[in-house]
Amino acid sequence: MQVSISYLASFLTALVQLGHVSLGILRPWLIAACLIASSLLLLPTIHTLEDSYQILLRYVPYGLTILVILLGQQFVQGRIAMAAGNLLLGYAIIQTQLQAPLEQDQVRAFFTLLSLYWPLNFFIIYWLPERKLISPIGFLLAAIFSLELLSGYLLVQYVDNYPQLLSQYLSLQPFGHNSEHLLSHWLLPLASTLVLSITTLILFVHTLIKRDRSHSVLLASMVTSALICAWFEQNGISSLFTSLVATALMVTLLFNSHDLAFLDELTGLPGRRALMNELKHCGKHYCVVMADIDHFKQFNDTHGHDTGDDVLRIVAQELANVRGGGKAFRYGGEEFTLLFKRKSTEDAEPFIDKIRQSIADYPLTIRDKQTRPKSLSKSANKKSRKSPADSSTQVQVTVSFGIAQRQVDQRPSDVMKSADQALYRAKENGRNCISA
């Protein structure tokens, strides 16, 4: 019976860990999934709207995309702003050039180019580095947009002859008089579908690896633009889908701005600003823990700043796993903070000690930069003939903790000061310990 309970506990633990991993993978996709799901659910209801609401829906995408462009420029999120610009351009072309039957040659020519260029532009934006909209990268993308518009203009000017010209260029004469029909109705849409399928697969795999929110929403924008073209004859589809894509870009922009303001870039933990904001809303019963890496300056000077950054990440990762309702923050430098809401020092101390011990037991191995191989082939050769000079150095990293519980009429700054004083006492008591 005890063995069965042990197996059950192990299974449940593994299931919880798998759930955390799955949530970590799926979290960046939530905005994209909500975007596409909302589009599919709302599409059948468009024809039931009154005429005044349909007219309003037709102009909403203009306001949303322009707002995203302005905010993206202000918050230095160029890719989101560029995606909004591409969205605005494609929607404007639909509203001004594609409000006639697709049987007309000029309309079909515009639609063919739109179905190819619109998703392809999102693919290009996906790979661009993060810059301001008004930058060399932004000007390059504007040049690409201009060339695409120019090609569309030239195509419309010679639309009567473009099937014959392209069929001759592609050597389709064996198809005889049907070559123009084959090109305009089959080969060009097939080429667009093929390009879209390949680019979507590439971005899907890359997004799974990166797990980045911006990449996910750009992929969703590309797929949604392709859906607009695929279901083009659906009433109001361009207005609805464009509005939802613009909303998703806006939400992503706000989330990214929040992360830049409140998350520490090196460790991924919430920063000091997030801590101060949390302290304002955690009630009257809580305790604060200040944590400091022992001898970190000496360690940094001896092994280098890159290794020091690795140590900060490791310590942050361990602190983030604290149990008992604790939440980890990076206070600054080598200092971290743990916040336990509705907990006393006696309640929180066992969880802190467990984290302290896990950090002290962490197997941190440092390799000598002079013996580190510069290529994979050299690394493989060195594995077969190791020497004492190639051996790595294993070091121990420890952390000291100072804990303070909020007393009556104490302000958050006073509690922080008490925890800092307790940390100082832990340093005096030999480090790698907890002091209250």
Protein backbone atom coordinates (compact mmCIF):
# COMPACT_ATOMS: atom_id res chain seq x y z
CA MET A 1 0.00 0.00 0.00
CA GLN A 2 2.83 2.38 0.86
CA VAL A 3 4.54 1.53 -2.44
CA SER A 4 1.33 2.34 -4.34
CA ILE A 5 0.98 5.68 -2.57
CA SER A 6 4.62 6.44 -3.37
CA TYR A 7 4.08 5.67 -7.06
CA LEU A 8 0.91 7.78 -7.09
CA ALA A 9 2.71 10.72 -5.49
CA SER A 10 5.54 10.44 -8.04
CA PHE A 11 3.02 10.33 -10.89
CA LEU A 12 1.14 13.39 -9.62
CA THR A 13 4.41 15.30 -9.18
CA ALA A 14 5.47 14.48 -12.74
CA LEU A 15 2.01 15.52 -14.00
CA VAL A 16 2.26 18.89 -12.24
CA GLN A 17 5.74 19.46 -13.68
CA LEU A 18 4.47 18.57 -17.15
CA GLY A 19 1.63 21.04 -16.66
CA HIS A 20 4.10 23.82 -15.79
CA VAL A 21 6.18 23.02 -18.90
CA SER A 22 3.11 22.91 -21.15
CA LEU A 23 1.83 26.21 -19.77
CA GLY A 24 5.24 27.78 -20.37
CA ILE A 25 5.13 26.64 -23.99
CA LEU A 26 1.52 27.68 -24.59
CA ARG A 27 1.56 31.04 -22.76
CA PRO A 28 2.89 33.09 -25.73
CA TRP A 29 0.24 31.50 -27.95
CA LEU A 30 -2.71 32.60 -25.84
CA ILE A 31 -3.14 35.95 -27.61
CA ALA A 32 -2.83 34.33 -31.04
CA ALA A 33 -5.25 31.55 -30.13
CA CYS A 34 -7.80 34.02 -28.75
CA LEU A 35 -7.43 36.12 -31.90
CA ILE A 36 -8.15 33.29 -34.34
CA ALA A 37 -10.90 31.76 -32.16
CA SER A 38 -12.66 35.12 -31.81
CA SER A 39 -12.47 35.65 -35.56
CA LEU A 40 -14.10 32.32 -36.32
CA LEU A 41 -16.82 32.77 -33.69
CA LEU A 42 -17.78 36.31 -34.63
CA LEU A 43 -17.70 35.92 -38.41
CA PRO A 44 -21.21 34.36 -38.75
CA THR A 45 -22.77 37.25 -36.79
CA ILE A 46 -21.55 40.04 -39.10
CA HIS A 47 -24.54 39.90 -41.46
CA THR A 48 -26.94 40.30 -38.52
CA LEU A 49 -25.58 43.74 -37.60
CA GLU A 50 -27.50 46.87 -38.50
CA ASP A 51 -26.18 49.00 -41.34
CA SER A 52 -24.94 51.72 -39.00
CA TYR A 53 -22.85 49.21 -37.04
CA GLN A 54 -21.46 47.71 -40.23
CA ILE A 55 -20.38 51.17 -41.38
CA LEU A 56 -18.74 51.77 -38.00
CA LEU A 57 -16.96 48.40 -38.18
CA ARG A 58 -15.60 49.39 -41.58
CA TYR A 59 -13.77 52.40 -40.11
CA VAL A 60 -12.64 50.88 -36.78
CA PRO A 61 -9.53 49.19 -38.26
CA TYR A 62 -8.15 52.55 -39.40
CA GLY A 63 -8.26 54.02 -35.90
CA LEU A 64 -6.91 50.89 -34.19
CA THR A 65 -3.97 50.40 -36.56
CA ILE A 66 -2.97 54.09 -36.45
CA LEU A 67 -3.08 54.00 -32.63
CA VAL A 68 -0.87 50.88 -32.57
CA ILE A 69 1.61 52.55 -34.93
CA LEU A 70 1.87 55.64 -32.71
CA LEU A 71 2.24 53.61 -29.49
CA GLY A 72 4.74 51.25 -31.09
CA GLN A 73 6.91 54.19 -32.10
CA GLN A 74 6.64 55.74 -28.64
CA PHE A 75 7.49 52.52 -26.74
CA VAL A 76 10.25 51.42 -29.15
CA GLN A 77 8.39 48.34 -30.39
CA GLY A 78 9.08 48.73 -34.07
CA ARG A 79 8.01 45.27 -35.23
CA ILE A 80 4.53 45.70 -33.73
CA ALA A 81 4.27 49.16 -35.33
CA MET A 82 5.47 47.80 -38.69
CA ALA A 83 2.96 44.96 -38.49
CA ALA A 84 0.21 47.51 -37.83
CA GLY A 85 1.41 49.52 -40.84
CA ASN A 86 1.28 46.43 -43.06
CA LEU A 87 -2.18 45.65 -41.69
CA LEU A 88 -3.37 49.19 -42.42
CA LEU A 89 -1.96 49.13 -45.95
CA GLY A 90 -3.58 45.80 -46.83
CA TYR A 91 -6.93 46.83 -45.38
CA ALA A 92 -6.85 50.15 -47.26
CA ILE A 93 -6.22 48.30 -50.54
CA ILE A 94 -9.19 46.02 -49.85
CA GLN A 95 -11.49 48.96 -49.12
CA THR A 96 -10.38 51.07 -52.09
CA GLN A 97 -9.50 48.58 -54.84
CA LEU A 98 -11.30 45.30 -54.10
CA GLN A 99 -14.93 46.37 -53.68
CA ALA A 100 -15.90 44.94 -57.07
CA PRO A 101 -16.40 41.36 -58.36
CA LEU A 102 -13.19 39.34 -58.69
CA GLU A 103 -14.18 38.37 -62.24
CA GLN A 104 -12.88 41.77 -63.38
CA ASP A 105 -9.27 41.51 -64.53
CA GLN A 106 -7.98 44.54 -62.61
CA VAL A 107 -9.63 43.48 -59.38
CA ARG A 108 -8.35 39.92 -59.76
CA ALA A 109 -4.83 41.25 -60.40
CA PHE A 110 -4.90 43.34 -57.22
CA PHE A 111 -6.33 40.44 -55.24
CA THR A 112 -3.62 38.05 -56.50
CA LEU A 113 -0.84 40.41 -55.44
CA LEU A 114 -2.50 41.14 -52.11
CA SER A 115 -2.84 37.43 -51.27
CA LEU A 116 0.90 37.04 -51.93
CA TYR A 117 2.41 40.27 -50.56
CA TRP A 118 0.27 40.77 -47.45
CA PRO A 119 1.24 37.57 -45.59
CA LEU A 120 4.77 37.76 -46.98
CA ASN A 121 5.28 41.19 -45.40
CA PHE A 122 4.38 39.76 -41.98
CA PHE A 123 6.97 37.04 -42.62
CA ILE A 124 9.61 39.71 -43.31
CA ILE A 125 8.64 41.76 -40.24
CA TYR A 126 8.89 38.61 -38.09
CA TRP A 127 12.64 38.38 -38.72
CA LEU A 128 13.46 42.08 -38.38
CA PRO A 129 15.43 43.26 -35.31
CA GLU A 130 13.60 45.37 -32.74
CA ARG A 131 14.04 49.01 -33.76
CA LYS A 132 11.95 52.15 -33.80
CA LEU A 133 9.55 52.58 -36.68
CA ILE A 134 11.45 55.70 -37.78
CA SER A 135 14.83 54.02 -38.32
CA PRO A 136 16.86 52.54 -41.21
CA ILE A 137 14.97 49.26 -40.76
CA GLY A 138 11.67 51.14 -40.94
CA PHE A 139 12.76 52.98 -44.08
CA LEU A 140 13.82 49.66 -45.65
CA LEU A 141 10.40 48.18 -44.97
CA ALA A 142 8.76 51.32 -46.39
CA ALA A 143 10.85 50.84 -49.55
CA ILE A 144 9.61 47.24 -49.81
CA PHE A 145 6.01 48.42 -49.45
CA SER A 146 6.61 51.04 -52.16
CA LEU A 147 8.03 48.48 -54.58
CA GLU A 148 5.05 46.22 -53.98
CA LEU A 149 2.63 49.08 -54.64
CA LEU A 150 4.57 50.02 -57.76
CA SER A 151 4.40 46.45 -59.06
CA GLY A 152 0.66 46.48 -58.42
CA TYR A 153 0.26 49.77 -60.31
CA LEU A 154 2.26 48.52 -63.30
CA LEU A 155 0.32 45.28 -63.32
CA VAL A 156 -2.98 47.15 -63.44
CA GLN A 157 -1.70 49.40 -66.23
CA TYR A 158 -0.96 46.37 -68.40
CA VAL A 159 -3.61 44.09 -66.94
CA ASP A 160 -5.06 43.26 -70.32
CA ASN A 161 -1.76 41.74 -71.39
CA TYR A 162 -0.31 40.41 -68.14
CA PRO A 163 -1.52 36.78 -68.54
CA GLN A 164 -0.09 36.57 -72.05
CA LEU A 165 3.19 38.22 -71.04
CA LEU A 166 3.69 36.00 -68.00
CA SER A 167 2.66 32.85 -69.82
CA GLN A 168 5.27 33.56 -72.50
CA TYR A 169 7.88 34.35 -69.85
CA LEU A 170 7.09 31.10 -68.01
CA SER A 171 7.06 29.13 -71.29
CA LEU A 172 3.45 28.01 -71.00
CA GLN A 173 2.86 28.01 -74.79
CA PRO A 174 2.25 24.22 -74.84
CA PHE A 175 -1.05 24.86 -73.09
CA GLY A 176 -2.21 26.85 -76.12
CA HIS A 177 -5.06 29.32 -75.72
CA ASN A 178 -5.74 28.09 -72.19
CA SER A 179 -2.35 29.20 -70.90
CA GLU A 180 -3.68 32.60 -69.75
CA HIS A 181 -6.55 30.95 -67.91
CA LEU A 182 -4.18 28.43 -66.33
CA LEU A 183 -1.84 31.19 -65.15
CA SER A 184 -4.35 33.67 -63.78
CA HIS A 185 -6.77 31.19 -62.20
CA TRP A 186 -4.49 28.35 -61.08
CA LEU A 187 -0.73 28.93 -61.08
CA LEU A 188 -0.63 32.35 -59.37
CA PRO A 189 -3.04 31.35 -56.53
CA LEU A 190 -1.17 28.04 -56.22
CA ALA A 191 2.12 29.92 -55.90
CA SER A 192 0.64 32.13 -53.20
CA THR A 193 -0.64 29.08 -51.29
CA LEU A 194 2.72 27.32 -51.58
CA VAL A 195 4.66 30.37 -50.35
CA LEU A 196 2.24 30.83 -47.46
CA SER A 197 2.46 27.17 -46.42
CA ILE A 198 6.26 27.16 -46.37
CA THR A 199 6.56 30.45 -44.49
CA THR A 200 3.89 29.41 -41.97
CA LEU A 201 5.71 26.15 -41.24
CA ILE A 202 9.01 27.98 -40.76
CA LEU A 203 7.51 30.55 -38.40
CA PHE A 204 5.55 27.91 -36.49
CA VAL A 205 8.68 25.88 -35.71
CA HIS A 206 10.67 28.99 -34.82
CA THR A 207 7.92 30.31 -32.56
CA LEU A 208 7.74 27.01 -30.68
CA ILE A 209 11.47 27.31 -30.00
CA LYS A 210 11.52 31.00 -29.05
CA ARG A 211 8.23 31.09 -27.07
CA ASP A 212 8.08 34.83 -27.62
CA ARG A 213 4.82 36.77 -27.41
CA SER A 214 5.64 39.14 -30.28
CA HIS A 215 6.63 36.30 -32.60
CA SER A 216 3.39 34.46 -31.82
CA VAL A 217 1.15 37.43 -32.62
CA LEU A 218 3.08 38.15 -35.84
CA LEU A 219 2.57 34.55 -36.94
CA ALA A 220 -1.13 34.84 -36.08
CA SER A 221 -1.32 38.09 -38.07
CA MET A 222 0.19 36.40 -41.11
CA VAL A 223 -2.23 33.46 -40.88
CA THR A 224 -5.20 35.81 -40.34
CA SER A 225 -4.30 37.91 -43.40
CA ALA A 226 -4.21 34.71 -45.43
CA LEU A 227 -7.63 33.70 -44.04
CA ILE A 228 -9.04 37.07 -45.12
CA CYS A 229 -7.91 36.34 -48.68
CA ALA A 230 -9.09 32.72 -48.56
CA TRP A 231 -12.58 33.65 -47.29
CA PHE A 232 -12.72 36.96 -49.10
CA GLU A 233 -16.32 36.61 -50.25
CA GLN A 234 -17.60 36.43 -46.66
CA ASN A 235 -19.47 39.61 -45.75
CA GLY A 236 -17.44 41.94 -43.48
CA ILE A 237 -14.55 39.52 -43.02
CA SER A 238 -11.83 42.10 -43.74
CA SER A 239 -13.22 44.63 -41.25
CA LEU A 240 -13.73 42.07 -38.48
CA PHE A 241 -10.45 40.19 -38.86
CA THR A 242 -8.39 43.37 -39.28
CA SER A 243 -9.94 44.87 -36.15
CA LEU A 244 -9.16 41.74 -34.16
CA VAL A 245 -5.57 41.59 -35.43
CA ALA A 246 -5.08 45.27 -34.53
CA THR A 247 -6.51 44.56 -31.06
CA ALA A 248 -4.13 41.61 -30.62
CA LEU A 249 -1.18 43.80 -31.66
CA MET A 250 -2.32 46.42 -29.15
CA VAL A 251 -2.58 43.88 -26.31
CA THR A 252 0.85 42.45 -27.18
CA LEU A 253 2.34 45.94 -27.19
CA LEU A 254 0.89 46.67 -23.74
CA PHE A 255 2.11 43.34 -22.33
CA ASN A 256 5.60 43.90 -23.74
CA SER A 257 5.70 47.41 -22.27
CA HIS A 258 4.63 46.01 -18.89
CA ASP A 259 7.44 43.42 -19.03
CA LEU A 260 10.02 46.10 -19.88
CA ALA A 261 8.86 48.22 -16.94
CA PHE A 262 8.41 45.51 -14.29
CA LEU A 263 10.59 42.50 -15.22
CA ASP A 264 14.34 42.22 -14.79
CA GLU A 265 15.89 41.48 -18.18
CA LEU A 266 18.77 39.32 -16.91
CA THR A 267 16.91 37.00 -14.53
CA GLY A 268 13.31 37.25 -15.73
CA LEU A 269 12.13 37.99 -12.17
CA PRO A 270 9.92 40.98 -11.34
CA GLY A 271 12.10 43.98 -10.49
CA ARG A 272 12.14 46.54 -7.70
CA ARG A 273 9.31 48.58 -9.23
CA ALA A 274 7.08 45.50 -9.26
CA LEU A 275 8.02 44.79 -5.62
CA MET A 276 7.09 48.29 -4.47
CA ASN A 277 3.81 48.08 -6.36
CA GLU A 278 3.08 44.69 -4.74
CA LEU A 279 3.81 45.98 -1.25
CA LYS A 280 1.12 48.64 -1.65
CA HIS A 281 -1.57 46.01 -2.12
CA CYS A 282 -0.56 43.08 0.10
CA GLY A 283 -2.48 44.07 3.23
CA LYS A 284 -1.26 44.34 6.80
CA HIS A 285 0.01 40.82 7.43
CA TYR A 286 3.12 39.84 5.47
CA CYS A 287 6.84 39.32 5.82
CA VAL A 288 9.73 40.42 3.62
CA VAL A 289 12.96 38.51 3.05
CA MET A 290 16.12 40.17 1.76
CA ALA A 291 18.62 37.77 0.13
CA ASP A 292 22.20 38.54 -0.86
CA ILE A 293 24.75 36.31 -2.65
CA ASP A 294 27.78 35.83 -0.40
CA HIS A 295 31.13 37.22 -1.61
CA PHE A 296 29.61 37.98 -5.02
CA LYS A 297 31.97 40.87 -5.81
CA GLN A 298 34.98 38.69 -5.13
CA PHE A 299 33.45 35.90 -7.21
CA ASN A 300 32.74 38.34 -10.06
CA ASP A 301 36.30 39.70 -10.04
CA THR A 302 37.80 36.19 -10.01
CA HIS A 303 35.67 34.44 -12.64
CA GLY A 304 34.42 37.34 -14.78
CA HIS A 305 31.13 39.14 -15.31
CA ASP A 306 29.72 36.52 -17.70
CA THR A 307 30.05 33.84 -15.04
CA GLY A 308 28.64 36.29 -12.51
CA ASP A 309 25.57 36.75 -14.70
CA ASP A 310 25.16 32.96 -14.86
CA VAL A 311 25.26 32.81 -11.07
CA LEU A 312 22.58 35.51 -10.84
CA ARG A 313 20.36 33.53 -13.22
CA ILE A 314 20.85 30.30 -11.25
CA VAL A 315 20.06 31.96 -7.92
CA ALA A 316 17.01 33.68 -9.45
CA GLN A 317 15.79 30.36 -10.85
CA GLU A 318 16.08 28.71 -7.44
CA LEU A 319 14.40 31.61 -5.65
CA ALA A 320 11.54 31.57 -8.16
CA ASN A 321 10.78 28.00 -7.06
CA VAL A 322 10.08 29.04 -3.46
CA ARG A 323 7.00 27.44 -1.97
CA GLY A 324 4.64 28.53 0.81
CA GLY A 325 3.11 31.39 -1.16
CA GLY A 326 6.39 33.27 -1.55
CA LYS A 327 7.18 35.41 -4.57
CA ALA A 328 10.70 36.31 -5.71
CA PHE A 329 11.91 39.72 -6.95
CA ARG A 330 15.29 41.03 -8.02
CA TYR A 331 15.97 44.03 -5.84
CA GLY A 332 19.17 45.10 -7.56
CA GLY A 333 22.75 43.91 -8.09
CA GLU A 334 23.21 40.62 -6.22
CA GLU A 335 20.26 41.33 -3.89
CA PHE A 336 16.90 39.58 -4.16
CA THR A 337 13.66 39.85 -2.23
CA LEU A 338 11.07 37.28 -1.23
CA LEU A 339 7.57 38.41 -0.28
CA PHE A 340 5.28 36.15 1.76
CA LYS A 341 1.72 37.44 1.99
CA ARG A 342 -0.34 36.46 5.03
CA LYS A 343 2.65 34.67 6.52
CA SER A 344 4.65 35.17 9.72
CA THR A 345 8.41 34.69 10.00
CA GLU A 346 7.84 31.30 11.63
CA ASP A 347 5.62 30.19 8.73
CA ALA A 348 8.02 31.36 6.02
CA GLU A 349 11.35 30.28 7.54
CA PRO A 350 11.15 26.55 6.60
CA PHE A 351 10.57 27.43 2.95
CA ILE A 352 13.45 29.93 2.99
CA ASP A 353 15.79 27.37 4.52
CA LYS A 354 14.89 24.86 1.83
CA ILE A 355 15.80 27.38 -0.87
CA ARG A 356 19.02 28.29 0.97
CA GLN A 357 20.06 24.65 1.06
CA SER A 358 19.18 24.01 -2.59
CA ILE A 359 21.36 26.95 -3.68
CA ALA A 360 24.26 25.80 -1.49
CA ASP A 361 24.00 22.27 -2.95
CA TYR A 362 23.78 23.45 -6.56
CA PRO A 363 26.65 21.89 -8.61
CA LEU A 364 28.16 24.97 -10.23
CA THR A 365 31.04 24.09 -12.58
CA ILE A 366 33.30 26.76 -14.10
CA ARG A 367 35.54 26.01 -17.04
CA ASP A 368 38.80 27.78 -17.69
CA LYS A 369 38.38 30.08 -20.70
CA GLN A 370 41.90 29.26 -21.94
CA THR A 371 41.13 25.53 -22.17
CA ARG A 372 37.62 25.96 -23.58
CA PRO A 373 37.45 24.58 -27.16
CA LYS A 374 36.69 27.06 -29.92
CA SER A 375 34.88 24.57 -32.15
CA LEU A 376 32.85 21.39 -31.92
CA SER A 377 35.57 19.35 -33.63
CA LYS A 378 38.15 20.45 -31.07
CA SER A 379 35.68 19.66 -28.32
CA ALA A 380 35.22 16.13 -29.64
CA ASN A 381 38.97 15.59 -29.82
CA LYS A 382 39.45 16.84 -26.26
CA LYS A 383 36.86 14.43 -24.92
CA SER A 384 39.10 11.54 -25.99
CA ARG A 385 42.26 12.94 -24.39
CA LYS A 386 41.54 14.95 -21.24
CA SER A 387 44.40 16.27 -19.17
CA PRO A 388 44.53 17.70 -15.64
CA ALA A 389 44.86 21.19 -17.13
CA ASP A 390 41.51 20.75 -18.87
CA SER A 391 39.62 19.92 -15.67
CA SER A 392 36.83 22.24 -14.63
CA THR A 393 36.55 24.03 -11.30
CA GLN A 394 33.54 23.35 -9.12
CA VAL A 395 32.56 26.16 -6.77
CA GLN A 396 29.90 26.70 -4.16
CA VAL A 397 27.52 29.64 -4.15
CA THR A 398 25.72 30.53 -0.93
CA VAL A 399 23.10 33.11 -0.05
CA SER A 400 22.36 34.92 3.21
CA PHE A 401 18.78 35.78 4.19
CA GLY A 402 17.30 38.45 6.44
CA ILE A 403 13.60 38.21 7.29
CA ALA A 404 11.26 40.78 8.86
CA GLN A 405 7.55 40.67 9.59
CA ARG A 406 5.41 43.76 9.29
CA GLN A 407 4.56 45.26 12.64
CA VAL A 408 1.61 47.48 13.50
CA ASP A 409 1.75 50.92 11.83
CA GLN A 410 4.89 50.00 9.87
CA ARG A 411 5.17 51.30 6.32
CA PRO A 412 6.54 49.05 3.55
CA SER A 413 9.81 51.01 3.56
CA ASP A 414 10.18 50.33 7.28
CA VAL A 415 9.66 46.59 6.77
CA MET A 416 12.25 46.61 3.99
CA LYS A 417 14.70 48.40 6.28
CA SER A 418 14.14 45.83 9.05
CA ALA A 419 14.74 42.97 6.60
CA ASP A 420 17.92 44.67 5.39
CA GLN A 421 19.17 44.97 8.97
CA ALA A 422 18.40 41.28 9.52
CA LEU A 423 20.40 40.48 6.38
CA TYR A 424 23.35 42.43 7.80
CA ARG A 425 23.16 40.30 10.95
CA ALA A 426 23.14 37.12 8.83
CA LYS A 427 26.36 38.32 7.17
CA GLU A 428 27.92 38.89 10.58
CA ASN A 429 26.84 35.44 11.78
CA GLY A 430 28.93 33.69 9.13
CA ARG A 431 26.76 33.95 5.99
CA ASN A 432 24.74 31.16 4.35
CA CYS A 433 22.13 31.44 7.08
CA ILE A 434 18.80 33.06 7.98
CA SER A 435 18.48 35.88 10.49
CA ALA A 436 15.34 37.53 11.81
